[in-house]
């Protein structure tokens, strides 16, 4: 078999495997979108920068570190009368050693191909020894000393997985939880509600309390906006989920309300 034929065969096999994975995930998506039971999310820590700091942080991680996210979804679901006592539970998997394929900067075909490769990677790197996850949260930890800023995280809408860039620092656990919850919402179908240029929450859907009088300052962030609007042009990042709410449009996008 020629080199070109062999390459085409490998691509065909990969596409067939990806189709199987996509069909498997589609069945899971139906259950997730209908909220007919507690969603099973699994967190997979990854040492994204190969640092000693990240290694140490990951070894100290416990399942209880994600309790604030579970509690947040319980409290917010009550506000929308969701008939589930526990809408979400998060389990901790052993660390993943192979990093995900880096997302492309631009180009529709490149993004599509990256999405297919990322689906395959997420499926093949499953280290969790338990029931299959409804949502896979790949948590990429970085030493804040060498990575003071991080690339944007990616939550694949209705894709069942998220690649979440985080700081390996105990004092930033609250902010990390906000980012994880935000990307988790993307996997459920929620969309961003901030201006991509300024980062400012978009009124009214990006405001936690759009009917508040006076409007400013807001005291909470809408989760999919990710910031607390202090004025029409300034906003601050919430320090924890205690300063965050899920707005009406976001709740509708994840099928909490019709």
C-alpha atoms as a PDB file:
ATOM      1  CA  UNK A   1       0.000   0.000   0.000  1.00  0.00           C
ATOM      2  CA  UNK A   2       1.377   3.405  -1.022  1.00  0.00           C
ATOM      3  CA  UNK A   3       2.184   6.145   1.437  1.00  0.00           C
ATOM      4  CA  UNK A   4      -0.755   8.314   0.321  1.00  0.00           C
ATOM      5  CA  UNK A   5      -3.173   5.382   0.510  1.00  0.00           C
ATOM      6  CA  UNK A   6      -1.937   4.480   3.976  1.00  0.00           C
ATOM      7  CA  UNK A   7      -2.408   8.057   5.114  1.00  0.00           C
ATOM      8  CA  UNK A   8      -5.943   8.160   3.722  1.00  0.00           C
ATOM      9  CA  UNK A   9      -6.749   4.887   5.493  1.00  0.00           C
ATOM     10  CA  UNK A  10      -5.451   6.239   8.827  1.00  0.00           C
ATOM     11  CA  UNK A  11      -7.528   9.406   8.404  1.00  0.00           C
ATOM     12  CA  UNK A  12     -10.606   7.300   7.559  1.00  0.00           C
ATOM     13  CA  UNK A  13     -10.121   5.118  10.640  1.00  0.00           C
ATOM     14  CA  UNK A  14      -9.694   8.226  12.812  1.00  0.00           C
ATOM     15  CA  UNK A  15     -12.874   9.769  11.371  1.00  0.00           C
ATOM     16  CA  UNK A  16     -14.841   6.561  12.018  1.00  0.00           C
ATOM     17  CA  UNK A  17     -13.622   6.479  15.616  1.00  0.00           C
ATOM     18  CA  UNK A  18     -14.518  10.148  16.025  1.00  0.00           C
ATOM     19  CA  UNK A  19     -17.989   9.468  14.597  1.00  0.00           C
ATOM     20  CA  UNK A  20     -18.465   6.730  17.192  1.00  0.00           C
ATOM     21  CA  UNK A  21     -17.348   9.077  19.951  1.00  0.00           C
ATOM     22  CA  UNK A  22     -19.636  11.855  18.655  1.00  0.00           C
ATOM     23  CA  UNK A  23     -22.661   9.519  18.580  1.00  0.00           C
ATOM     24  CA  UNK A  24     -21.866   8.336  22.099  1.00  0.00           C
ATOM     25  CA  UNK A  25     -21.630  11.936  23.281  1.00  0.00           C
ATOM     26  CA  UNK A  26     -24.881  12.858  21.501  1.00  0.00           C
ATOM     27  CA  UNK A  27     -26.738  10.269  23.563  1.00  0.00           C
ATOM     28  CA  UNK A  28     -25.232  11.755  26.710  1.00  0.00           C
ATOM     29  CA  UNK A  29     -26.173  15.272  25.542  1.00  0.00           C
ATOM     30  CA  UNK A  30     -29.836  14.290  25.351  1.00  0.00           C
ATOM     31  CA  UNK A  31     -29.826  13.237  28.998  1.00  0.00           C
ATOM     32  CA  UNK A  32     -27.871  16.328  30.046  1.00  0.00           C
ATOM     33  CA  UNK A  33     -30.139  18.755  28.207  1.00  0.00           C
ATOM     34  CA  UNK A  34     -33.261  17.227  29.752  1.00  0.00           C
ATOM     35  CA  UNK A  35     -31.973  17.313  33.356  1.00  0.00           C
ATOM     36  CA  UNK A  36     -33.533  13.958  34.173  1.00  0.00           C
ATOM     37  CA  UNK A  37     -30.932  13.231  36.844  1.00  0.00           C
ATOM     38  CA  UNK A  38     -27.818  14.497  38.586  1.00  0.00           C
ATOM     39  CA  UNK A  39     -25.070  15.331  36.095  1.00  0.00           C
ATOM     40  CA  UNK A  40     -21.822  13.458  36.630  1.00  0.00           C
ATOM     41  CA  UNK A  41     -18.816  15.718  36.010  1.00  0.00           C
ATOM     42  CA  UNK A  42     -15.242  14.503  36.329  1.00  0.00           C
ATOM     43  CA  UNK A  43     -12.242  16.797  36.910  1.00  0.00           C
ATOM     44  CA  UNK A  44      -8.937  15.720  35.306  1.00  0.00           C
ATOM     45  CA  UNK A  45      -5.938  17.719  36.594  1.00  0.00           C
ATOM     46  CA  UNK A  46      -3.095  18.381  34.163  1.00  0.00           C
ATOM     47  CA  UNK A  47       0.343  19.870  34.839  1.00  0.00           C
ATOM     48  CA  UNK A  48       0.210  22.260  31.891  1.00  0.00           C
ATOM     49  CA  UNK A  49       3.620  23.879  32.388  1.00  0.00           C
ATOM     50  CA  UNK A  50       5.608  20.898  33.725  1.00  0.00           C
ATOM     51  CA  UNK A  51       6.432  22.903  36.835  1.00  0.00           C
ATOM     52  CA  UNK A  52       7.169  21.688  40.368  1.00  0.00           C
ATOM     53  CA  UNK A  53       4.571  24.169  41.663  1.00  0.00           C
ATOM     54  CA  UNK A  54       1.822  22.687  39.501  1.00  0.00           C
ATOM     55  CA  UNK A  55       2.869  19.150  40.422  1.00  0.00           C
ATOM     56  CA  UNK A  56       2.682  19.985  44.123  1.00  0.00           C
ATOM     57  CA  UNK A  57      -0.682  21.714  43.740  1.00  0.00           C
ATOM     58  CA  UNK A  58      -2.178  18.773  41.853  1.00  0.00           C
ATOM     59  CA  UNK A  59      -0.975  16.259  44.457  1.00  0.00           C
ATOM     60  CA  UNK A  60      -2.789  18.288  47.137  1.00  0.00           C
ATOM     61  CA  UNK A  61      -6.093  18.413  45.221  1.00  0.00           C
ATOM     62  CA  UNK A  62      -9.077  16.736  46.840  1.00  0.00           C
ATOM     63  CA  UNK A  63     -12.614  16.143  45.674  1.00  0.00           C
ATOM     64  CA  UNK A  64     -13.826  18.491  48.411  1.00  0.00           C
ATOM     65  CA  UNK A  65     -12.026  21.362  46.622  1.00  0.00           C
ATOM     66  CA  UNK A  66     -14.912  21.345  44.135  1.00  0.00           C
ATOM     67  CA  UNK A  67     -17.675  21.410  46.760  1.00  0.00           C
ATOM     68  CA  UNK A  68     -18.207  25.140  46.249  1.00  0.00           C
ATOM     69  CA  UNK A  69     -19.124  24.515  42.598  1.00  0.00           C
ATOM     70  CA  UNK A  70     -21.616  21.796  43.514  1.00  0.00           C
ATOM     71  CA  UNK A  71     -23.115  24.068  46.207  1.00  0.00           C
ATOM     72  CA  UNK A  72     -23.357  26.949  43.736  1.00  0.00           C
ATOM     73  CA  UNK A  73     -25.361  24.888  41.252  1.00  0.00           C
ATOM     74  CA  UNK A  74     -27.669  23.650  44.005  1.00  0.00           C
ATOM     75  CA  UNK A  75     -28.385  27.206  45.167  1.00  0.00           C
ATOM     76  CA  UNK A  76     -28.850  28.611  41.668  1.00  0.00           C
ATOM     77  CA  UNK A  77     -31.095  25.750  40.554  1.00  0.00           C
ATOM     78  CA  UNK A  78     -33.405  26.460  43.496  1.00  0.00           C
ATOM     79  CA  UNK A  79     -33.886  29.997  42.181  1.00  0.00           C
ATOM     80  CA  UNK A  80     -35.309  28.480  38.969  1.00  0.00           C
ATOM     81  CA  UNK A  81     -37.328  25.707  40.667  1.00  0.00           C
ATOM     82  CA  UNK A  82     -35.346  22.925  39.016  1.00  0.00           C
ATOM     83  CA  UNK A  83     -36.818  19.659  40.383  1.00  0.00           C
ATOM     84  CA  UNK A  84     -33.425  18.194  41.313  1.00  0.00           C
ATOM     85  CA  UNK A  85     -31.947  18.252  44.792  1.00  0.00           C
ATOM     86  CA  UNK A  86     -28.437  17.837  43.411  1.00  0.00           C
ATOM     87  CA  UNK A  87     -28.107  18.988  39.790  1.00  0.00           C
ATOM     88  CA  UNK A  88     -24.355  18.352  39.620  1.00  0.00           C
ATOM     89  CA  UNK A  89     -21.679  16.269  41.300  1.00  0.00           C
ATOM     90  CA  UNK A  90     -17.944  16.530  40.586  1.00  0.00           C
ATOM     91  CA  UNK A  91     -15.523  13.632  40.962  1.00  0.00           C
ATOM     92  CA  UNK A  92     -11.735  13.852  40.831  1.00  0.00           C
ATOM     93  CA  UNK A  93      -9.801  11.641  38.414  1.00  0.00           C
ATOM     94  CA  UNK A  94      -6.083  10.778  38.476  1.00  0.00           C
ATOM     95  CA  UNK A  95      -3.919  13.326  36.641  1.00  0.00           C
ATOM     96  CA  UNK A  96      -3.703  13.271  32.844  1.00  0.00           C
ATOM     97  CA  UNK A  97      -0.109  13.292  31.611  1.00  0.00           C
ATOM     98  CA  UNK A  98      -0.636  14.144  27.926  1.00  0.00           C
ATOM     99  CA  UNK A  99      -1.670  17.702  27.179  1.00  0.00           C
ATOM    100  CA  UNK A 100      -4.521  18.499  24.757  1.00  0.00           C
ATOM    101  CA  UNK A 101      -3.898  19.664  21.194  1.00  0.00           C
ATOM    102  CA  UNK A 102      -3.494  23.469  21.225  1.00  0.00           C
ATOM    103  CA  UNK A 103      -6.449  25.317  19.676  1.00  0.00           C
ATOM    104  CA  UNK A 104      -5.752  27.166  16.403  1.00  0.00           C
ATOM    105  CA  UNK A 105      -5.727  30.954  16.277  1.00  0.00           C
ATOM    106  CA  UNK A 106      -8.138  31.187  13.341  1.00  0.00           C
ATOM    107  CA  UNK A 107      -9.507  29.426  10.267  1.00  0.00           C
ATOM    108  CA  UNK A 108     -12.812  27.545  10.110  1.00  0.00           C
ATOM    109  CA  UNK A 109     -11.364  24.276   8.792  1.00  0.00           C
ATOM    110  CA  UNK A 110      -8.506  24.401  11.305  1.00  0.00           C
ATOM    111  CA  UNK A 111     -10.990  24.893  14.133  1.00  0.00           C
ATOM    112  CA  UNK A 112     -13.162  22.010  12.907  1.00  0.00           C
ATOM    113  CA  UNK A 113     -10.146  19.699  12.639  1.00  0.00           C
ATOM    114  CA  UNK A 114      -8.926  20.787  16.081  1.00  0.00           C
ATOM    115  CA  UNK A 115     -12.377  20.064  17.534  1.00  0.00           C
ATOM    116  CA  UNK A 116     -12.282  16.547  16.118  1.00  0.00           C
ATOM    117  CA  UNK A 117      -8.783  15.938  17.470  1.00  0.00           C
ATOM    118  CA  UNK A 118      -9.773  17.373  20.866  1.00  0.00           C
ATOM    119  CA  UNK A 119     -12.795  15.046  21.037  1.00  0.00           C
ATOM    120  CA  UNK A 120     -10.538  12.082  20.334  1.00  0.00           C
ATOM    121  CA  UNK A 121      -7.990  13.290  22.909  1.00  0.00           C
ATOM    122  CA  UNK A 122     -10.689  13.788  25.585  1.00  0.00           C
ATOM    123  CA  UNK A 123     -12.022  10.292  24.965  1.00  0.00           C
ATOM    124  CA  UNK A 124      -8.620   8.597  24.860  1.00  0.00           C
ATOM    125  CA  UNK A 125      -7.182  10.355  27.938  1.00  0.00           C
ATOM    126  CA  UNK A 126      -9.943   9.313  30.336  1.00  0.00           C
ATOM    127  CA  UNK A 127      -8.143   8.308  33.564  1.00  0.00           C
ATOM    128  CA  UNK A 128     -11.291   8.011  35.686  1.00  0.00           C
ATOM    129  CA  UNK A 129     -12.070   4.533  36.998  1.00  0.00           C
ATOM    130  CA  UNK A 130     -15.801   4.808  37.361  1.00  0.00           C
ATOM    131  CA  UNK A 131     -19.012   5.553  35.468  1.00  0.00           C
ATOM    132  CA  UNK A 132     -18.606   7.495  32.238  1.00  0.00           C
ATOM    133  CA  UNK A 133     -18.707  11.237  32.806  1.00  0.00           C
ATOM    134  CA  UNK A 134     -21.495  13.411  31.457  1.00  0.00           C
ATOM    135  CA  UNK A 135     -18.994  16.289  31.470  1.00  0.00           C
ATOM    136  CA  UNK A 136     -15.193  16.063  31.374  1.00  0.00           C
ATOM    137  CA  UNK A 137     -13.379  19.007  32.956  1.00  0.00           C
ATOM    138  CA  UNK A 138      -9.702  19.010  31.973  1.00  0.00           C
ATOM    139  CA  UNK A 139      -8.036  21.402  34.431  1.00  0.00           C
ATOM    140  CA  UNK A 140      -4.719  22.751  33.116  1.00  0.00           C
ATOM    141  CA  UNK A 141      -2.754  24.153  36.036  1.00  0.00           C
ATOM    142  CA  UNK A 142       0.045  26.740  35.704  1.00  0.00           C
ATOM    143  CA  UNK A 143       2.565  28.272  38.089  1.00  0.00           C
ATOM    144  CA  UNK A 144       1.377  31.907  38.496  1.00  0.00           C
ATOM    145  CA  UNK A 145       4.969  33.108  38.861  1.00  0.00           C
ATOM    146  CA  UNK A 146       5.901  31.992  35.364  1.00  0.00           C
ATOM    147  CA  UNK A 147       2.409  32.349  33.851  1.00  0.00           C
ATOM    148  CA  UNK A 148       0.903  35.570  35.271  1.00  0.00           C
ATOM    149  CA  UNK A 149      -1.698  35.528  32.477  1.00  0.00           C
ATOM    150  CA  UNK A 150      -3.372  32.513  30.942  1.00  0.00           C
ATOM    151  CA  UNK A 151      -4.868  31.676  27.572  1.00  0.00           C
ATOM    152  CA  UNK A 152      -8.637  31.637  27.277  1.00  0.00           C
ATOM    153  CA  UNK A 153     -10.271  28.454  28.455  1.00  0.00           C
ATOM    154  CA  UNK A 154     -12.529  26.498  26.123  1.00  0.00           C
ATOM    155  CA  UNK A 155     -15.846  24.884  27.008  1.00  0.00           C
ATOM    156  CA  UNK A 156     -17.231  22.985  24.030  1.00  0.00           C
ATOM    157  CA  UNK A 157     -20.910  23.844  23.705  1.00  0.00           C
ATOM    158  CA  UNK A 158     -22.887  20.619  23.930  1.00  0.00           C
ATOM    159  CA  UNK A 159     -19.602  18.768  23.490  1.00  0.00           C
ATOM    160  CA  UNK A 160     -19.292  17.301  26.949  1.00  0.00           C
ATOM    161  CA  UNK A 161     -15.810  18.559  27.795  1.00  0.00           C
ATOM    162  CA  UNK A 162     -13.897  21.715  28.692  1.00  0.00           C
ATOM    163  CA  UNK A 163     -10.221  22.707  28.681  1.00  0.00           C
ATOM    164  CA  UNK A 164      -9.823  25.056  31.639  1.00  0.00           C
ATOM    165  CA  UNK A 165      -6.655  27.093  32.235  1.00  0.00           C
ATOM    166  CA  UNK A 166      -6.099  27.712  35.950  1.00  0.00           C
ATOM    167  CA  UNK A 167      -3.505  28.927  38.448  1.00  0.00           C
ATOM    168  CA  UNK A 168      -1.788  26.396  40.698  1.00  0.00           C
ATOM    169  CA  UNK A 169      -2.195  28.595  43.787  1.00  0.00           C
ATOM    170  CA  UNK A 170      -4.365  27.887  46.867  1.00  0.00           C
ATOM    171  CA  UNK A 171      -5.175  31.588  47.280  1.00  0.00           C
ATOM    172  CA  UNK A 172      -6.778  31.600  43.811  1.00  0.00           C
ATOM    173  CA  UNK A 173      -8.993  28.601  44.373  1.00  0.00           C
ATOM    174  CA  UNK A 174     -12.067  30.855  44.517  1.00  0.00           C
ATOM    175  CA  UNK A 175     -11.333  32.465  41.148  1.00  0.00           C
ATOM    176  CA  UNK A 176     -10.496  29.038  39.716  1.00  0.00           C
ATOM    177  CA  UNK A 177     -13.931  27.798  40.786  1.00  0.00           C
ATOM    178  CA  UNK A 178     -15.595  30.686  38.937  1.00  0.00           C
ATOM    179  CA  UNK A 179     -13.692  29.834  35.750  1.00  0.00           C
ATOM    180  CA  UNK A 180     -14.503  26.113  36.042  1.00  0.00           C
ATOM    181  CA  UNK A 181     -18.209  26.869  36.561  1.00  0.00           C
ATOM    182  CA  UNK A 182     -18.187  29.262  33.581  1.00  0.00           C
ATOM    183  CA  UNK A 183     -16.670  26.696  31.220  1.00  0.00           C
ATOM    184  CA  UNK A 184     -18.913  23.966  32.586  1.00  0.00           C
ATOM    185  CA  UNK A 185     -21.890  26.148  31.652  1.00  0.00           C
ATOM    186  CA  UNK A 186     -20.544  26.366  28.098  1.00  0.00           C
ATOM    187  CA  UNK A 187     -20.686  22.568  27.836  1.00  0.00           C
ATOM    188  CA  UNK A 188     -24.369  22.792  28.795  1.00  0.00           C
ATOM    189  CA  UNK A 189     -25.143  25.321  26.061  1.00  0.00           C
ATOM    190  CA  UNK A 190     -24.737  28.705  27.789  1.00  0.00           C
ATOM    191  CA  UNK A 191     -23.138  31.523  25.794  1.00  0.00           C
ATOM    192  CA  UNK A 192     -20.765  34.314  26.814  1.00  0.00           C
ATOM    193  CA  UNK A 193     -22.368  37.584  27.894  1.00  0.00           C
ATOM    194  CA  UNK A 194     -19.450  39.996  27.843  1.00  0.00           C
ATOM    195  CA  UNK A 195     -17.947  42.239  25.191  1.00  0.00           C
ATOM    196  CA  UNK A 196     -14.984  40.331  23.694  1.00  0.00           C
ATOM    197  CA  UNK A 197     -12.997  43.548  23.205  1.00  0.00           C
ATOM    198  CA  UNK A 198     -13.537  45.379  26.502  1.00  0.00           C
ATOM    199  CA  UNK A 199     -14.432  42.398  28.676  1.00  0.00           C
ATOM    200  CA  UNK A 200     -17.318  44.459  30.049  1.00  0.00           C
ATOM    201  CA  UNK A 201     -20.590  42.639  30.888  1.00  0.00           C
ATOM    202  CA  UNK A 202     -23.265  43.220  28.245  1.00  0.00           C
ATOM    203  CA  UNK A 203     -26.433  44.837  29.538  1.00  0.00           C
ATOM    204  CA  UNK A 204     -28.953  43.448  30.395  1.00  0.00           C
ATOM    205  CA  UNK A 205     -28.146  39.721  30.046  1.00  0.00           C
ATOM    206  CA  UNK A 206     -24.597  40.041  31.415  1.00  0.00           C
ATOM    207  CA  UNK A 207     -25.787  41.730  34.600  1.00  0.00           C
ATOM    208  CA  UNK A 208     -26.715  39.697  37.665  1.00  0.00           C
ATOM    209  CA  UNK A 209     -29.373  42.243  38.658  1.00  0.00           C
ATOM    210  CA  UNK A 210     -30.320  44.191  35.500  1.00  0.00           C
ATOM    211  CA  UNK A 211     -33.377  45.711  37.186  1.00  0.00           C
ATOM    212  CA  UNK A 212     -31.467  47.035  40.182  1.00  0.00           C
ATOM    213  CA  UNK A 213     -31.939  50.730  41.105  1.00  0.00           C
ATOM    214  CA  UNK A 214     -29.545  52.407  40.949  1.00  0.00           C
ATOM    215  CA  UNK A 215     -28.004  50.104  38.348  1.00  0.00           C
ATOM    216  CA  UNK A 216     -24.425  50.665  39.540  1.00  0.00           C
ATOM    217  CA  UNK A 217     -22.545  49.312  41.220  1.00  0.00           C
ATOM    218  CA  UNK A 218     -23.660  45.735  40.753  1.00  0.00           C
ATOM    219  CA  UNK A 219     -22.820  43.478  43.695  1.00  0.00           C
ATOM    220  CA  UNK A 220     -22.735  40.174  41.848  1.00  0.00           C
ATOM    221  CA  UNK A 221     -21.415  38.883  38.531  1.00  0.00           C
ATOM    222  CA  UNK A 222     -23.544  36.994  36.027  1.00  0.00           C
ATOM    223  CA  UNK A 223     -21.603  33.757  35.574  1.00  0.00           C
ATOM    224  CA  UNK A 224     -21.394  33.917  31.763  1.00  0.00           C
ATOM    225  CA  UNK A 225     -20.280  37.565  31.896  1.00  0.00           C
ATOM    226  CA  UNK A 226     -17.612  36.744  34.477  1.00  0.00           C
ATOM    227  CA  UNK A 227     -17.321  40.248  35.910  1.00  0.00           C
ATOM    228  CA  UNK A 228     -19.126  42.533  38.341  1.00  0.00           C
ATOM    229  CA  UNK A 229     -20.149  45.769  36.609  1.00  0.00           C
ATOM    230  CA  UNK A 230     -19.069  48.732  38.748  1.00  0.00           C
ATOM    231  CA  UNK A 231     -20.121  51.205  36.055  1.00  0.00           C
ATOM    232  CA  UNK A 232     -20.910  51.221  32.340  1.00  0.00           C
ATOM    233  CA  UNK A 233     -17.189  51.043  31.575  1.00  0.00           C
ATOM    234  CA  UNK A 234     -15.532  49.294  34.548  1.00  0.00           C
ATOM    235  CA  UNK A 235     -15.879  45.858  36.080  1.00  0.00           C
ATOM    236  CA  UNK A 236     -14.090  43.610  38.569  1.00  0.00           C
ATOM    237  CA  UNK A 237     -13.458  39.871  38.608  1.00  0.00           C
ATOM    238  CA  UNK A 238     -15.359  38.023  41.361  1.00  0.00           C
ATOM    239  CA  UNK A 239     -13.146  36.414  43.984  1.00  0.00           C
ATOM    240  CA  UNK A 240     -15.409  33.379  44.432  1.00  0.00           C
ATOM    241  CA  UNK A 241     -18.765  31.913  43.483  1.00  0.00           C
ATOM    242  CA  UNK A 242     -20.252  33.698  46.497  1.00  0.00           C
ATOM    243  CA  UNK A 243     -20.238  36.785  44.257  1.00  0.00           C
ATOM    244  CA  UNK A 244     -21.824  35.114  41.224  1.00  0.00           C
ATOM    245  CA  UNK A 245     -25.356  34.375  39.986  1.00  0.00           C
ATOM    246  CA  UNK A 246     -26.808  32.612  36.936  1.00  0.00           C
ATOM    247  CA  UNK A 247     -28.952  35.050  34.956  1.00  0.00           C
ATOM    248  CA  UNK A 248     -32.314  34.354  33.356  1.00  0.00           C
ATOM    249  CA  UNK A 249     -31.013  33.980  29.788  1.00  0.00           C
ATOM    250  CA  UNK A 250     -28.202  31.643  30.843  1.00  0.00           C
ATOM    251  CA  UNK A 251     -30.727  29.537  32.779  1.00  0.00           C
ATOM    252  CA  UNK A 252     -32.873  29.342  29.650  1.00  0.00           C
ATOM    253  CA  UNK A 253     -29.890  28.339  27.505  1.00  0.00           C
ATOM    254  CA  UNK A 254     -29.169  25.341  29.759  1.00  0.00           C
ATOM    255  CA  UNK A 255     -32.849  24.354  29.869  1.00  0.00           C
ATOM    256  CA  UNK A 256     -33.503  25.288  33.471  1.00  0.00           C
ATOM    257  CA  UNK A 257     -36.460  27.358  32.278  1.00  0.00           C
ATOM    258  CA  UNK A 258     -38.513  27.294  29.083  1.00  0.00           C
END
